[in-house]
Each structure stands twice: as structure tokens, then as C-alpha cells.
Amino acid sequence: MKEKIQVIQNRFKNNPKVQEQLQKMKPKKTIWGFLGIILFFFVPEILNVLYYQEINNWVAQNAHIYYPPNIADKVIWLVKHTFNGEVSYVNLALGFGFLWWFYK
């Protein structure tokens, strides 16, 4: 099985079309590429850690105003489980990975 994976990996490494597509997908080295990575991966984590109580309180107070009752309960449950004040290490790892790819 390991040999099959290595063969497939070598095919992708040596295929010029795949390498060309990867270069097209790579974010451009501009301020907008950098800010996009920062705003999409790191800012939500900072907001989650700093303001999770305020977000949960606001949603608990206002969800029934903006949503029907059966959906409002689900929204409150989802927000309480999403904004719990803990850091998502997967999101941070993806952010650092994209920053590494951005500067590579």
C-alpha cells in the first residue's frame, strides 16, 4: 500500500500540469493575499477567545427575534458549541500552513 501511495505521489510531483495548477492556486504575494489569510484563519480565533461570552449572550437574547422558534433553538445550540472560548488548533494549523505556502 505504501508503494502505491509513493507511486501516486511521485506522479503528482513529476506531472507538469499538476505543478502548473498548484502555481495558479497559490495566493499572490500581495497585501491582499496576506490579509486574506490573516482575516480568514486567525481573526476568528482571536474573536472566539476574547468575545465568546458576549457573542453567546447576544445570540441567546436576539435569536428569537430574527429566526422562527424552531430554528432559533438550533441557532443558539450551534453558536454555543461553536463559540466556546477554545482555540481551534486545526484552523490555526491551516492558517500557518497557508502562510508558509504564501511565503514559499
C-alpha atoms as a PDB file:
ATOM      1  CA  MET A   1       0.000   0.000   0.000  1.00  0.00           C
ATOM      2  CA  LYS A   2       2.854   2.386   0.832  1.00  0.00           C
ATOM      3  CA  GLU A   3       4.376   1.733  -2.578  1.00  0.00           C
ATOM      4  CA  LYS A   4       1.116   2.633  -4.312  1.00  0.00           C
ATOM      5  CA  ILE A   5       0.899   5.897  -2.388  1.00  0.00           C
ATOM      6  CA  GLN A   6       4.517   6.732  -3.200  1.00  0.00           C
ATOM      7  CA  VAL A   7       3.956   5.996  -6.895  1.00  0.00           C
ATOM      8  CA  ILE A   8       0.900   8.263  -6.965  1.00  0.00           C
ATOM      9  CA  GLN A   9       2.773  10.956  -5.039  1.00  0.00           C
ATOM     10  CA  ASN A  10       5.712  10.796  -7.461  1.00  0.00           C
ATOM     11  CA  ARG A  11       3.296  11.040 -10.399  1.00  0.00           C
ATOM     12  CA  PHE A  12       1.883  14.257  -8.970  1.00  0.00           C
ATOM     13  CA  LYS A  13       5.325  15.673  -8.192  1.00  0.00           C
ATOM     14  CA  ASN A  14       6.621  14.986 -11.695  1.00  0.00           C
ATOM     15  CA  ASN A  15       3.483  15.986 -13.606  1.00  0.00           C
ATOM     16  CA  PRO A  16       3.966  19.478 -15.053  1.00  0.00           C
ATOM     17  CA  LYS A  17       0.200  20.076 -15.394  1.00  0.00           C
ATOM     18  CA  VAL A  18      -0.330  19.463 -11.673  1.00  0.00           C
ATOM     19  CA  GLN A  19       2.554  21.765 -10.772  1.00  0.00           C
ATOM     20  CA  GLU A  20       1.159  24.443 -13.080  1.00  0.00           C
ATOM     21  CA  GLN A  21      -2.276  24.200 -11.459  1.00  0.00           C
ATOM     22  CA  LEU A  22      -0.708  24.420  -7.992  1.00  0.00           C
ATOM     23  CA  GLN A  23       1.084  27.599  -9.001  1.00  0.00           C
ATOM     24  CA  LYS A  24      -2.207  29.055 -10.276  1.00  0.00           C
ATOM     25  CA  MET A  25      -3.911  28.217  -6.953  1.00  0.00           C
ATOM     26  CA  LYS A  26      -1.138  29.709  -4.854  1.00  0.00           C
ATOM     27  CA  PRO A  27      -2.096  33.082  -3.363  1.00  0.00           C
ATOM     28  CA  LYS A  28      -0.329  36.024  -4.943  1.00  0.00           C
ATOM     29  CA  LYS A  29       2.258  37.775  -2.821  1.00  0.00           C
ATOM     30  CA  THR A  30       0.302  40.938  -2.256  1.00  0.00           C
ATOM     31  CA  ILE A  31      -1.005  42.617   0.838  1.00  0.00           C
ATOM     32  CA  TRP A  32      -4.484  41.273  -0.008  1.00  0.00           C
ATOM     33  CA  GLY A  33      -3.278  37.670  -0.072  1.00  0.00           C
ATOM     34  CA  PHE A  34      -1.624  38.090   3.307  1.00  0.00           C
ATOM     35  CA  LEU A  35      -4.620  39.920   4.807  1.00  0.00           C
ATOM     36  CA  GLY A  36      -6.982  37.295   3.408  1.00  0.00           C
ATOM     37  CA  ILE A  37      -5.130  34.519   5.207  1.00  0.00           C
ATOM     38  CA  ILE A  38      -4.947  36.508   8.437  1.00  0.00           C
ATOM     39  CA  LEU A  39      -8.597  37.594   8.363  1.00  0.00           C
ATOM     40  CA  PHE A  40      -9.951  34.174   7.435  1.00  0.00           C
ATOM     41  CA  PHE A  41      -7.910  31.962   9.778  1.00  0.00           C
ATOM     42  CA  PHE A  42      -6.542  33.973  12.696  1.00  0.00           C
ATOM     43  CA  VAL A  43      -9.016  36.787  13.436  1.00  0.00           C
ATOM     44  CA  PRO A  44     -11.966  34.421  14.073  1.00  0.00           C
ATOM     45  CA  GLU A  45      -9.867  32.509  16.601  1.00  0.00           C
ATOM     46  CA  ILE A  46      -8.922  35.718  18.397  1.00  0.00           C
ATOM     47  CA  LEU A  47     -12.552  36.846  18.468  1.00  0.00           C
ATOM     48  CA  ASN A  48     -13.618  33.425  19.761  1.00  0.00           C
ATOM     49  CA  VAL A  49     -11.173  33.558  22.644  1.00  0.00           C
ATOM     50  CA  LEU A  50     -11.804  37.183  23.591  1.00  0.00           C
ATOM     51  CA  TYR A  51     -15.534  37.646  22.991  1.00  0.00           C
ATOM     52  CA  TYR A  52     -17.226  34.245  23.151  1.00  0.00           C
ATOM     53  CA  GLN A  53     -19.388  35.191  26.156  1.00  0.00           C
ATOM     54  CA  GLU A  54     -20.648  38.374  24.505  1.00  0.00           C
ATOM     55  CA  ILE A  55     -21.441  36.530  21.268  1.00  0.00           C
ATOM     56  CA  ASN A  56     -23.310  33.785  23.105  1.00  0.00           C
ATOM     57  CA  ASN A  57     -25.285  36.283  25.197  1.00  0.00           C
ATOM     58  CA  TRP A  58     -26.240  38.368  22.182  1.00  0.00           C
ATOM     59  CA  VAL A  59     -27.422  35.332  20.214  1.00  0.00           C
ATOM     60  CA  ALA A  60     -29.357  33.986  23.188  1.00  0.00           C
ATOM     61  CA  GLN A  61     -31.175  37.311  23.550  1.00  0.00           C
ATOM     62  CA  ASN A  62     -31.806  38.046  19.873  1.00  0.00           C
ATOM     63  CA  ALA A  63     -32.167  34.689  18.124  1.00  0.00           C
ATOM     64  CA  HIS A  64     -35.903  34.503  18.748  1.00  0.00           C
ATOM     65  CA  ILE A  65     -36.306  37.934  17.156  1.00  0.00           C
ATOM     66  CA  TYR A  66     -34.519  37.044  13.924  1.00  0.00           C
ATOM     67  CA  TYR A  67     -35.483  33.367  13.487  1.00  0.00           C
ATOM     68  CA  PRO A  68     -38.614  31.262  13.857  1.00  0.00           C
ATOM     69  CA  PRO A  69     -38.800  29.455  17.236  1.00  0.00           C
ATOM     70  CA  ASN A  70     -37.829  26.001  15.959  1.00  0.00           C
ATOM     71  CA  ILE A  71     -34.782  27.371  14.115  1.00  0.00           C
ATOM     72  CA  ALA A  72     -33.794  29.808  16.882  1.00  0.00           C
ATOM     73  CA  ASP A  73     -33.173  26.963  19.325  1.00  0.00           C
ATOM     74  CA  LYS A  74     -30.905  25.258  16.802  1.00  0.00           C
ATOM     75  CA  VAL A  75     -29.033  28.503  16.134  1.00  0.00           C
ATOM     76  CA  ILE A  76     -28.485  29.042  19.863  1.00  0.00           C
ATOM     77  CA  TRP A  77     -27.212  25.473  20.253  1.00  0.00           C
ATOM     78  CA  LEU A  78     -24.885  25.862  17.253  1.00  0.00           C
ATOM     79  CA  VAL A  79     -23.456  29.173  18.429  1.00  0.00           C
ATOM     80  CA  LYS A  80     -22.861  27.875  21.960  1.00  0.00           C
ATOM     81  CA  HIS A  81     -20.931  24.916  20.562  1.00  0.00           C
ATOM     82  CA  THR A  82     -19.039  26.996  18.008  1.00  0.00           C
ATOM     83  CA  PHE A  83     -18.076  29.914  20.252  1.00  0.00           C
ATOM     84  CA  ASN A  84     -16.884  28.185  23.395  1.00  0.00           C
ATOM     85  CA  GLY A  85     -13.698  30.149  24.067  1.00  0.00           C
ATOM     86  CA  GLU A  86     -11.367  27.356  22.999  1.00  0.00           C
ATOM     87  CA  VAL A  87      -8.770  27.658  20.279  1.00  0.00           C
ATOM     88  CA  SER A  88      -9.200  25.544  17.154  1.00  0.00           C
ATOM     89  CA  TYR A  89      -5.761  24.116  16.532  1.00  0.00           C
ATOM     90  CA  VAL A  90      -6.862  22.754  13.157  1.00  0.00           C
ATOM     91  CA  ASN A  91      -7.799  26.252  11.988  1.00  0.00           C
ATOM     92  CA  LEU A  92      -4.518  27.682  13.278  1.00  0.00           C
ATOM     93  CA  ALA A  93      -2.545  24.882  11.633  1.00  0.00           C
ATOM     94  CA  LEU A  94      -4.289  25.554   8.324  1.00  0.00           C
ATOM     95  CA  GLY A  95      -3.579  29.271   8.695  1.00  0.00           C
ATOM     96  CA  PHE A  96       0.110  28.700   9.389  1.00  0.00           C
ATOM     97  CA  GLY A  97       0.249  26.211   6.519  1.00  0.00           C
ATOM     98  CA  PHE A  98      -1.206  28.741   4.122  1.00  0.00           C
ATOM     99  CA  LEU A  99       1.185  31.413   5.393  1.00  0.00           C
ATOM    100  CA  TRP A 100       4.102  29.059   4.818  1.00  0.00           C
ATOM    101  CA  TRP A 101       2.792  28.289   1.307  1.00  0.00           C
ATOM    102  CA  PHE A 102       2.279  32.024   0.732  1.00  0.00           C
ATOM    103  CA  TYR A 103       5.917  32.839   1.533  1.00  0.00           C
ATOM    104  CA  LYS A 104       7.451  29.743  -0.039  1.00  0.00           C
END
